[in-house]
N, C-alpha and C. Protein backbone atom coordinates (compact mmCIF):
# COMPACT_ATOMS: atom_id res chain seq x y z
N MET A 1 12.73 5.17 13.09
CA MET A 1 11.35 5.40 12.73
C MET A 1 11.09 4.76 11.37
N ARG A 2 10.08 3.90 11.35
CA ARG A 2 9.67 3.25 10.11
C ARG A 2 8.18 3.52 9.93
N ILE A 3 7.82 4.00 8.75
CA ILE A 3 6.43 4.29 8.44
C ILE A 3 6.06 3.46 7.22
N TYR A 4 4.95 2.74 7.34
CA TYR A 4 4.48 1.87 6.26
C TYR A 4 3.11 2.34 5.81
N PHE A 5 2.94 2.49 4.49
CA PHE A 5 1.65 2.85 3.93
C PHE A 5 0.99 1.63 3.33
N THR A 6 -0.27 1.40 3.70
CA THR A 6 -1.05 0.32 3.12
C THR A 6 -2.33 0.90 2.55
N GLY A 7 -3.01 0.10 1.77
CA GLY A 7 -4.26 0.50 1.15
C GLY A 7 -4.44 -0.28 -0.12
N PHE A 8 -5.61 -0.18 -0.68
CA PHE A 8 -5.92 -0.90 -1.90
C PHE A 8 -5.06 -0.36 -3.04
N MET A 9 -4.90 -1.15 -4.08
CA MET A 9 -4.13 -0.67 -5.23
C MET A 9 -4.74 0.62 -5.75
N THR A 10 -3.93 1.54 -6.16
CA THR A 10 -4.27 2.89 -6.66
C THR A 10 -4.84 3.81 -5.57
N SER A 11 -4.68 3.45 -4.31
CA SER A 11 -5.20 4.31 -3.23
C SER A 11 -4.37 5.58 -3.05
N GLY A 12 -3.12 5.55 -3.53
CA GLY A 12 -2.27 6.73 -3.41
C GLY A 12 -1.02 6.52 -2.58
N LYS A 13 -0.74 5.28 -2.22
CA LYS A 13 0.43 4.96 -1.38
C LYS A 13 1.73 5.46 -2.00
N SER A 14 1.88 5.24 -3.30
CA SER A 14 3.13 5.60 -4.00
C SER A 14 3.20 7.09 -4.31
N THR A 15 2.13 7.80 -4.09
CA THR A 15 2.12 9.26 -4.26
C THR A 15 2.35 9.94 -2.91
N ILE A 16 1.59 9.52 -1.92
CA ILE A 16 1.67 10.13 -0.59
C ILE A 16 2.96 9.71 0.13
N GLY A 17 3.39 8.48 -0.08
CA GLY A 17 4.58 7.96 0.60
C GLY A 17 5.83 8.81 0.41
N PRO A 18 6.24 9.06 -0.85
CA PRO A 18 7.47 9.84 -1.04
C PRO A 18 7.36 11.29 -0.56
N ILE A 19 6.18 11.86 -0.66
CA ILE A 19 6.01 13.24 -0.19
C ILE A 19 6.14 13.28 1.34
N THR A 20 5.52 12.32 2.00
CA THR A 20 5.63 12.23 3.46
C THR A 20 7.09 12.02 3.87
N ALA A 21 7.78 11.13 3.15
CA ALA A 21 9.20 10.88 3.45
C ALA A 21 10.01 12.16 3.30
N ASN A 22 9.75 12.89 2.24
CA ASN A 22 10.48 14.14 1.98
C ASN A 22 10.22 15.16 3.09
N VAL A 23 8.96 15.34 3.45
CA VAL A 23 8.60 16.30 4.49
C VAL A 23 9.26 15.94 5.82
N MET A 24 9.38 14.64 6.09
CA MET A 24 9.92 14.19 7.38
C MET A 24 11.41 13.88 7.34
N GLY A 25 12.04 14.06 6.17
CA GLY A 25 13.47 13.82 6.05
C GLY A 25 13.86 12.35 6.13
N LEU A 26 13.02 11.48 5.57
CA LEU A 26 13.25 10.04 5.61
C LEU A 26 13.49 9.49 4.21
N ASN A 27 14.10 8.32 4.13
CA ASN A 27 14.26 7.63 2.85
C ASN A 27 12.94 6.98 2.47
N PHE A 28 12.69 6.86 1.17
CA PHE A 28 11.44 6.26 0.68
C PHE A 28 11.72 5.05 -0.20
N TYR A 29 10.90 4.03 0.00
CA TYR A 29 10.93 2.84 -0.86
C TYR A 29 9.51 2.46 -1.23
N ASP A 30 9.33 2.10 -2.49
CA ASP A 30 8.08 1.52 -2.96
C ASP A 30 8.34 0.02 -3.07
N LEU A 31 7.67 -0.78 -2.27
CA LEU A 31 7.95 -2.22 -2.20
C LEU A 31 7.83 -2.89 -3.56
N ASP A 32 6.78 -2.60 -4.31
CA ASP A 32 6.62 -3.21 -5.64
C ASP A 32 7.76 -2.83 -6.57
N LYS A 33 8.19 -1.57 -6.52
CA LYS A 33 9.29 -1.14 -7.40
C LYS A 33 10.61 -1.80 -7.00
N GLU A 34 10.82 -2.00 -5.72
CA GLU A 34 12.03 -2.69 -5.26
C GLU A 34 12.03 -4.14 -5.75
N ILE A 35 10.88 -4.77 -5.72
CA ILE A 35 10.75 -6.15 -6.22
C ILE A 35 11.01 -6.18 -7.72
N GLN A 36 10.43 -5.23 -8.44
CA GLN A 36 10.62 -5.17 -9.90
C GLN A 36 12.09 -4.97 -10.26
N LYS A 37 12.79 -4.14 -9.49
CA LYS A 37 14.23 -3.93 -9.74
C LYS A 37 15.01 -5.22 -9.58
N ARG A 38 14.72 -5.95 -8.52
CA ARG A 38 15.45 -7.19 -8.24
C ARG A 38 15.18 -8.27 -9.28
N GLU A 39 13.95 -8.32 -9.77
CA GLU A 39 13.56 -9.37 -10.71
C GLU A 39 13.71 -8.95 -12.17
N SER A 40 13.88 -7.66 -12.41
CA SER A 40 13.90 -7.11 -13.77
C SER A 40 12.63 -7.49 -14.53
N LEU A 41 11.52 -7.54 -13.80
CA LEU A 41 10.20 -7.84 -14.37
C LEU A 41 9.16 -6.97 -13.66
N THR A 42 8.07 -6.67 -14.35
CA THR A 42 6.97 -5.98 -13.70
C THR A 42 6.27 -6.94 -12.75
N VAL A 43 5.48 -6.40 -11.83
CA VAL A 43 4.72 -7.25 -10.92
C VAL A 43 3.79 -8.16 -11.72
N THR A 44 3.15 -7.61 -12.75
CA THR A 44 2.26 -8.41 -13.59
C THR A 44 3.00 -9.58 -14.21
N LYS A 45 4.19 -9.33 -14.74
CA LYS A 45 4.99 -10.40 -15.37
C LYS A 45 5.42 -11.44 -14.34
N ILE A 46 5.76 -11.00 -13.14
CA ILE A 46 6.13 -11.95 -12.09
C ILE A 46 4.94 -12.87 -11.79
N PHE A 47 3.75 -12.28 -11.64
CA PHE A 47 2.54 -13.07 -11.40
C PHE A 47 2.31 -14.06 -12.54
N GLU A 48 2.44 -13.57 -13.79
CA GLU A 48 2.17 -14.41 -14.96
C GLU A 48 3.18 -15.53 -15.13
N THR A 49 4.46 -15.25 -14.90
CA THR A 49 5.51 -16.23 -15.20
C THR A 49 5.92 -17.08 -14.01
N LYS A 50 5.82 -16.53 -12.80
CA LYS A 50 6.31 -17.26 -11.63
C LYS A 50 5.23 -17.55 -10.60
N GLY A 51 4.08 -16.91 -10.76
CA GLY A 51 2.96 -17.17 -9.87
C GLY A 51 2.90 -16.26 -8.66
N GLU A 52 1.70 -16.20 -8.08
CA GLU A 52 1.49 -15.32 -6.93
C GLU A 52 2.27 -15.81 -5.70
N GLU A 53 2.36 -17.12 -5.50
CA GLU A 53 3.07 -17.64 -4.33
C GLU A 53 4.53 -17.20 -4.34
N TYR A 54 5.18 -17.29 -5.51
CA TYR A 54 6.56 -16.84 -5.65
C TYR A 54 6.66 -15.35 -5.31
N PHE A 55 5.73 -14.57 -5.89
CA PHE A 55 5.74 -13.12 -5.66
C PHE A 55 5.60 -12.81 -4.17
N ARG A 56 4.66 -13.47 -3.49
CA ARG A 56 4.41 -13.18 -2.07
C ARG A 56 5.62 -13.53 -1.20
N LYS A 57 6.32 -14.61 -1.52
CA LYS A 57 7.53 -14.96 -0.77
C LYS A 57 8.62 -13.91 -0.98
N LEU A 58 8.78 -13.49 -2.22
CA LEU A 58 9.76 -12.46 -2.54
C LEU A 58 9.39 -11.14 -1.86
N GLU A 59 8.12 -10.81 -1.88
CA GLU A 59 7.62 -9.59 -1.24
C GLU A 59 8.00 -9.59 0.25
N THR A 60 7.80 -10.71 0.92
CA THR A 60 8.14 -10.82 2.34
C THR A 60 9.64 -10.64 2.56
N LYS A 61 10.43 -11.28 1.71
CA LYS A 61 11.89 -11.18 1.83
C LYS A 61 12.36 -9.73 1.68
N VAL A 62 11.86 -9.05 0.65
CA VAL A 62 12.27 -7.66 0.40
C VAL A 62 11.77 -6.76 1.53
N LEU A 63 10.56 -6.99 2.00
CA LEU A 63 10.02 -6.21 3.12
C LEU A 63 10.90 -6.36 4.36
N GLU A 64 11.31 -7.59 4.66
CA GLU A 64 12.17 -7.83 5.82
C GLU A 64 13.50 -7.09 5.68
N GLU A 65 14.08 -7.13 4.48
CA GLU A 65 15.36 -6.46 4.25
C GLU A 65 15.23 -4.94 4.40
N LEU A 66 14.20 -4.38 3.78
CA LEU A 66 14.00 -2.93 3.88
C LEU A 66 13.71 -2.50 5.32
N SER A 67 13.01 -3.34 6.06
CA SER A 67 12.62 -3.01 7.43
C SER A 67 13.80 -3.03 8.40
N ASP A 68 14.94 -3.53 7.95
CA ASP A 68 16.14 -3.46 8.79
C ASP A 68 16.70 -2.04 8.83
N GLU A 69 16.35 -1.26 7.81
CA GLU A 69 16.81 0.14 7.75
C GLU A 69 15.94 0.99 8.69
N LYS A 70 16.57 1.99 9.28
CA LYS A 70 15.82 2.92 10.13
C LYS A 70 15.55 4.19 9.32
N MET A 71 14.64 4.99 9.79
CA MET A 71 14.34 6.29 9.16
C MET A 71 13.85 6.12 7.72
N ILE A 72 12.80 5.31 7.56
CA ILE A 72 12.28 5.03 6.22
C ILE A 72 10.76 5.13 6.17
N VAL A 73 10.30 5.33 4.95
CA VAL A 73 8.89 5.22 4.61
C VAL A 73 8.81 4.16 3.52
N ILE A 74 7.90 3.20 3.68
CA ILE A 74 7.72 2.16 2.67
C ILE A 74 6.26 2.13 2.24
N SER A 75 6.03 2.25 0.94
CA SER A 75 4.70 2.03 0.38
C SER A 75 4.59 0.55 0.06
N LEU A 76 3.66 -0.11 0.72
CA LEU A 76 3.47 -1.55 0.55
C LEU A 76 2.63 -1.84 -0.68
N GLY A 77 2.71 -3.07 -1.15
CA GLY A 77 1.80 -3.50 -2.21
C GLY A 77 0.40 -3.63 -1.64
N GLY A 78 -0.59 -3.62 -2.51
CA GLY A 78 -1.99 -3.68 -2.06
C GLY A 78 -2.31 -4.88 -1.19
N GLY A 79 -1.63 -6.00 -1.40
CA GLY A 79 -1.91 -7.22 -0.65
C GLY A 79 -0.85 -7.62 0.35
N THR A 80 0.14 -6.79 0.57
CA THR A 80 1.27 -7.15 1.43
C THR A 80 0.84 -7.56 2.83
N ILE A 81 -0.08 -6.82 3.43
CA ILE A 81 -0.41 -7.09 4.84
C ILE A 81 -1.32 -8.29 5.02
N ILE A 82 -1.79 -8.89 3.93
CA ILE A 82 -2.63 -10.09 4.05
C ILE A 82 -1.82 -11.24 4.65
N ASN A 83 -0.52 -11.23 4.40
CA ASN A 83 0.37 -12.22 5.01
C ASN A 83 0.57 -11.82 6.47
N GLY A 84 0.10 -12.68 7.38
CA GLY A 84 0.18 -12.37 8.81
C GLY A 84 1.57 -12.06 9.30
N ASN A 85 2.58 -12.73 8.74
CA ASN A 85 3.96 -12.46 9.15
C ASN A 85 4.37 -11.05 8.77
N ASN A 86 3.94 -10.60 7.58
CA ASN A 86 4.25 -9.24 7.15
C ASN A 86 3.61 -8.22 8.09
N LEU A 87 2.34 -8.44 8.40
CA LEU A 87 1.62 -7.52 9.28
C LEU A 87 2.28 -7.47 10.66
N GLU A 88 2.66 -8.62 11.17
CA GLU A 88 3.32 -8.69 12.47
C GLU A 88 4.64 -7.91 12.46
N LEU A 89 5.43 -8.10 11.42
CA LEU A 89 6.70 -7.38 11.28
C LEU A 89 6.48 -5.87 11.24
N ILE A 90 5.53 -5.45 10.43
CA ILE A 90 5.22 -4.03 10.27
C ILE A 90 4.78 -3.42 11.60
N LYS A 91 3.88 -4.09 12.30
CA LYS A 91 3.37 -3.57 13.57
C LYS A 91 4.47 -3.51 14.63
N LYS A 92 5.40 -4.45 14.57
CA LYS A 92 6.50 -4.49 15.54
C LYS A 92 7.54 -3.40 15.26
N LYS A 93 7.78 -3.14 13.97
CA LYS A 93 8.89 -2.26 13.59
C LYS A 93 8.51 -0.79 13.40
N GLY A 94 7.22 -0.51 13.17
CA GLY A 94 6.90 0.88 12.85
C GLY A 94 5.44 1.24 12.97
N ILE A 95 5.07 2.26 12.23
CA ILE A 95 3.71 2.79 12.22
C ILE A 95 3.07 2.40 10.89
N LEU A 96 1.86 1.83 10.96
CA LEU A 96 1.12 1.44 9.76
C LEU A 96 0.03 2.46 9.49
N ILE A 97 0.03 3.00 8.28
CA ILE A 97 -0.96 4.00 7.87
C ILE A 97 -1.80 3.42 6.74
N TYR A 98 -3.10 3.46 6.92
CA TYR A 98 -4.05 2.96 5.91
C TYR A 98 -4.62 4.14 5.14
N ILE A 99 -4.42 4.15 3.84
CA ILE A 99 -5.02 5.17 2.98
C ILE A 99 -6.34 4.60 2.48
N LYS A 100 -7.42 5.15 2.99
CA LYS A 100 -8.76 4.64 2.71
C LYS A 100 -9.40 5.44 1.58
N VAL A 101 -9.85 4.71 0.56
CA VAL A 101 -10.46 5.33 -0.62
C VAL A 101 -11.73 4.56 -0.96
N SER A 102 -12.75 5.25 -1.44
CA SER A 102 -14.03 4.60 -1.75
C SER A 102 -13.89 3.65 -2.95
N PRO A 103 -14.74 2.61 -3.00
CA PRO A 103 -14.71 1.69 -4.14
C PRO A 103 -14.95 2.39 -5.48
N GLU A 104 -15.79 3.41 -5.46
CA GLU A 104 -16.09 4.14 -6.70
C GLU A 104 -14.86 4.87 -7.23
N THR A 105 -14.11 5.49 -6.33
CA THR A 105 -12.88 6.18 -6.74
C THR A 105 -11.85 5.16 -7.22
N LEU A 106 -11.74 4.04 -6.51
CA LEU A 106 -10.81 2.99 -6.93
C LEU A 106 -11.17 2.48 -8.33
N TYR A 107 -12.46 2.32 -8.59
CA TYR A 107 -12.90 1.89 -9.92
C TYR A 107 -12.43 2.88 -10.98
N GLU A 108 -12.63 4.16 -10.73
CA GLU A 108 -12.23 5.19 -11.70
C GLU A 108 -10.73 5.14 -11.97
N ARG A 109 -9.95 4.83 -10.96
CA ARG A 109 -8.50 4.76 -11.12
C ARG A 109 -8.04 3.46 -11.78
N LEU A 110 -8.82 2.40 -11.63
CA LEU A 110 -8.41 1.08 -12.12
C LEU A 110 -8.98 0.70 -13.48
N LYS A 111 -10.07 1.34 -13.90
CA LYS A 111 -10.84 0.84 -15.04
C LYS A 111 -10.08 0.72 -16.35
N HIS A 112 -8.96 1.41 -16.50
CA HIS A 112 -8.17 1.30 -17.74
C HIS A 112 -6.78 0.72 -17.51
N LYS A 113 -6.49 0.29 -16.30
CA LYS A 113 -5.14 -0.19 -15.98
C LYS A 113 -5.01 -1.69 -16.26
N THR A 114 -4.07 -2.02 -17.13
CA THR A 114 -3.81 -3.44 -17.40
C THR A 114 -2.56 -3.92 -16.67
N ASP A 115 -1.98 -3.07 -15.84
CA ASP A 115 -0.76 -3.45 -15.11
C ASP A 115 -1.07 -3.95 -13.70
N ARG A 116 -2.32 -4.26 -13.43
CA ARG A 116 -2.72 -4.79 -12.12
C ARG A 116 -3.19 -6.22 -12.32
N PRO A 117 -2.40 -7.20 -11.88
CA PRO A 117 -2.71 -8.61 -12.17
C PRO A 117 -4.14 -9.02 -11.83
N ILE A 118 -4.64 -8.60 -10.69
CA ILE A 118 -5.96 -9.04 -10.23
C ILE A 118 -7.07 -8.51 -11.13
N PHE A 119 -6.89 -7.34 -11.72
CA PHE A 119 -7.94 -6.71 -12.51
C PHE A 119 -7.67 -6.71 -14.01
N LYS A 120 -6.54 -7.22 -14.43
CA LYS A 120 -6.15 -7.17 -15.84
C LYS A 120 -7.23 -7.75 -16.75
N GLU A 121 -7.72 -8.94 -16.44
CA GLU A 121 -8.74 -9.58 -17.29
C GLU A 121 -10.04 -8.77 -17.32
N MET A 122 -10.41 -8.20 -16.19
CA MET A 122 -11.64 -7.39 -16.15
C MET A 122 -11.51 -6.17 -17.05
N VAL A 123 -10.34 -5.56 -17.04
CA VAL A 123 -10.10 -4.38 -17.89
C VAL A 123 -10.11 -4.80 -19.35
N LEU A 124 -9.37 -5.85 -19.68
CA LEU A 124 -9.28 -6.30 -21.07
C LEU A 124 -10.62 -6.76 -21.62
N ASN A 125 -11.46 -7.34 -20.75
CA ASN A 125 -12.77 -7.83 -21.19
C ASN A 125 -13.88 -6.80 -21.01
N SER A 126 -13.51 -5.58 -20.68
CA SER A 126 -14.46 -4.47 -20.52
C SER A 126 -15.65 -4.85 -19.63
N VAL A 127 -15.35 -5.41 -18.48
CA VAL A 127 -16.39 -5.78 -17.52
C VAL A 127 -17.12 -4.52 -17.08
N ASP A 128 -18.46 -4.62 -16.92
CA ASP A 128 -19.24 -3.43 -16.61
C ASP A 128 -18.91 -2.89 -15.21
N LYS A 129 -19.25 -1.63 -15.03
CA LYS A 129 -18.87 -0.89 -13.81
C LYS A 129 -19.36 -1.57 -12.54
N ASP A 130 -20.61 -2.05 -12.54
CA ASP A 130 -21.16 -2.67 -11.33
C ASP A 130 -20.39 -3.92 -10.92
N ASP A 131 -20.09 -4.78 -11.89
CA ASP A 131 -19.34 -6.01 -11.59
C ASP A 131 -17.92 -5.68 -11.11
N PHE A 132 -17.31 -4.70 -11.76
CA PHE A 132 -15.95 -4.28 -11.40
C PHE A 132 -15.95 -3.73 -9.97
N THR A 133 -16.91 -2.85 -9.70
CA THR A 133 -17.00 -2.23 -8.37
C THR A 133 -17.33 -3.28 -7.31
N ASP A 134 -18.18 -4.26 -7.66
CA ASP A 134 -18.50 -5.34 -6.72
C ASP A 134 -17.25 -6.13 -6.35
N LYS A 135 -16.38 -6.38 -7.32
CA LYS A 135 -15.13 -7.10 -7.06
C LYS A 135 -14.25 -6.28 -6.09
N ILE A 136 -14.17 -4.97 -6.33
CA ILE A 136 -13.39 -4.09 -5.44
C ILE A 136 -13.98 -4.14 -4.03
N LYS A 137 -15.31 -4.01 -3.92
CA LYS A 137 -15.96 -4.03 -2.60
C LYS A 137 -15.70 -5.34 -1.88
N SER A 138 -15.79 -6.44 -2.60
CA SER A 138 -15.55 -7.76 -2.02
C SER A 138 -14.12 -7.87 -1.48
N MET A 139 -13.17 -7.39 -2.27
CA MET A 139 -11.77 -7.44 -1.83
C MET A 139 -11.54 -6.52 -0.63
N LEU A 140 -12.18 -5.36 -0.62
CA LEU A 140 -12.05 -4.44 0.52
C LEU A 140 -12.61 -5.08 1.79
N ILE A 141 -13.74 -5.77 1.67
CA ILE A 141 -14.33 -6.46 2.82
C ILE A 141 -13.37 -7.52 3.35
N ASP A 142 -12.79 -8.30 2.42
CA ASP A 142 -11.84 -9.35 2.81
C ASP A 142 -10.61 -8.77 3.50
N ARG A 143 -10.17 -7.61 3.07
CA ARG A 143 -8.94 -7.01 3.60
C ARG A 143 -9.16 -6.11 4.81
N GLU A 144 -10.40 -5.79 5.10
CA GLU A 144 -10.69 -4.84 6.18
C GLU A 144 -10.11 -5.29 7.51
N LYS A 145 -10.11 -6.59 7.78
CA LYS A 145 -9.57 -7.07 9.06
C LYS A 145 -8.08 -6.76 9.20
N TYR A 146 -7.41 -6.61 8.06
CA TYR A 146 -5.99 -6.24 8.08
C TYR A 146 -5.83 -4.72 8.12
N TYR A 147 -6.57 -4.04 7.24
CA TYR A 147 -6.49 -2.58 7.20
C TYR A 147 -6.89 -1.96 8.54
N SER A 148 -7.84 -2.59 9.23
CA SER A 148 -8.34 -2.04 10.49
C SER A 148 -7.28 -2.06 11.59
N GLN A 149 -6.18 -2.75 11.37
CA GLN A 149 -5.10 -2.80 12.36
C GLN A 149 -4.10 -1.64 12.20
N ALA A 150 -4.38 -0.76 11.24
CA ALA A 150 -3.49 0.39 11.03
C ALA A 150 -3.49 1.30 12.26
N ASP A 151 -2.37 1.93 12.48
CA ASP A 151 -2.24 2.88 13.58
C ASP A 151 -2.91 4.21 13.24
N ILE A 152 -2.92 4.53 11.95
CA ILE A 152 -3.50 5.78 11.47
C ILE A 152 -4.30 5.46 10.21
N VAL A 153 -5.49 6.04 10.11
CA VAL A 153 -6.31 5.91 8.90
C VAL A 153 -6.48 7.31 8.34
N ILE A 154 -6.23 7.45 7.04
CA ILE A 154 -6.45 8.74 6.40
C ILE A 154 -7.35 8.54 5.19
N GLU A 155 -8.43 9.31 5.16
CA GLU A 155 -9.38 9.25 4.04
C GLU A 155 -9.06 10.43 3.13
N THR A 156 -8.38 10.14 2.05
CA THR A 156 -7.84 11.20 1.20
C THR A 156 -8.89 11.96 0.42
N GLU A 157 -10.08 11.41 0.29
CA GLU A 157 -11.11 12.10 -0.49
C GLU A 157 -11.77 13.24 0.27
N LYS A 158 -11.53 13.31 1.57
CA LYS A 158 -12.20 14.31 2.41
C LYS A 158 -11.52 15.68 2.38
N ASN A 159 -10.24 15.72 2.00
CA ASN A 159 -9.48 16.97 2.03
C ASN A 159 -8.68 17.16 0.75
N ARG A 160 -8.22 18.38 0.54
CA ARG A 160 -7.30 18.62 -0.57
C ARG A 160 -5.98 17.94 -0.28
N PHE A 161 -5.22 17.66 -1.32
CA PHE A 161 -3.99 16.88 -1.20
C PHE A 161 -3.02 17.46 -0.17
N GLY A 162 -2.74 18.75 -0.27
CA GLY A 162 -1.82 19.39 0.67
C GLY A 162 -2.29 19.29 2.11
N ASN A 163 -3.59 19.44 2.31
CA ASN A 163 -4.16 19.30 3.65
C ASN A 163 -3.98 17.87 4.18
N ASN A 164 -4.13 16.88 3.27
CA ASN A 164 -3.94 15.49 3.67
C ASN A 164 -2.53 15.25 4.19
N ILE A 165 -1.55 15.81 3.49
CA ILE A 165 -0.15 15.62 3.90
C ILE A 165 0.08 16.28 5.26
N ASP A 166 -0.39 17.51 5.43
CA ASP A 166 -0.23 18.21 6.71
C ASP A 166 -0.88 17.42 7.85
N LEU A 167 -2.11 16.99 7.62
CA LEU A 167 -2.85 16.22 8.62
C LEU A 167 -2.12 14.91 8.94
N LEU A 168 -1.63 14.26 7.91
CA LEU A 168 -0.93 12.99 8.09
C LEU A 168 0.35 13.15 8.91
N VAL A 169 1.14 14.15 8.58
CA VAL A 169 2.40 14.38 9.31
C VAL A 169 2.10 14.68 10.78
N LYS A 170 1.06 15.44 11.05
CA LYS A 170 0.67 15.72 12.45
C LYS A 170 0.29 14.43 13.17
N LYS A 171 -0.48 13.58 12.49
CA LYS A 171 -0.90 12.31 13.10
C LYS A 171 0.31 11.40 13.35
N ILE A 172 1.24 11.38 12.42
CA ILE A 172 2.45 10.56 12.58
C ILE A 172 3.25 11.06 13.79
N LYS A 173 3.46 12.36 13.87
CA LYS A 173 4.23 12.93 15.00
C LYS A 173 3.55 12.63 16.33
N LYS A 174 2.23 12.72 16.35
CA LYS A 174 1.47 12.41 17.57
C LYS A 174 1.67 10.94 17.94
N LYS A 175 1.57 10.06 16.97
CA LYS A 175 1.73 8.62 17.22
C LYS A 175 3.14 8.31 17.70
N LEU A 176 4.14 8.95 17.10
CA LEU A 176 5.53 8.75 17.53
C LEU A 176 5.72 9.22 18.97
N TYR A 177 5.11 10.36 19.29
CA TYR A 177 5.20 10.88 20.65
C TYR A 177 4.56 9.91 21.64
N GLU A 178 3.37 9.38 21.27
CA GLU A 178 2.66 8.43 22.14
C GLU A 178 3.51 7.18 22.38
N ARG A 179 4.22 6.76 21.37
CA ARG A 179 5.05 5.55 21.48
C ARG A 179 6.45 5.87 21.99
N ASN A 180 6.72 7.16 22.10
CA ASN A 180 8.05 7.61 22.55
C ASN A 180 9.17 7.09 21.66
N ILE A 181 8.90 7.13 20.32
CA ILE A 181 9.93 6.69 19.38
C ILE A 181 10.30 7.79 18.40
N GLY A 182 9.83 9.00 18.65
CA GLY A 182 10.11 10.10 17.74
C GLY A 182 11.50 10.57 17.89
């Protein structure tokens, strides 16, 4: 059983992922953290010093290696599934869960973060809320064709955190039963 969490940056993948893994008795990996360990650099530094193309190739390599393990939960990077090969691998090997969060909530979570390469300049230059939110909305629209391929969608703003985990585990078990891979 392999469970993959996708969603926009700061959607909660790295928070919900390990809790879900713990509840289900699975190992947990955060893809970005695994990449950072291997490179001894933050994702931002990798982008700055080696470029996005290098990062995306490394991301695919690490994803493939982790996906060889069974009984895991992996929190993907915000853009991991944009690579068609990654999405194909994920869909073939496991269950893809999309954590859906509103652009306004994403803005509140991102507005002071300088550790996100795509938004670093906007944060440092104090770009106004509307422009920042428009950028988030634009990226969400671009990524929707990938996110929409998730097996399970969970909107975390609709329920309390504990309820989200309970609901999610039930949906995962149902999906596993449907696929007869539980």
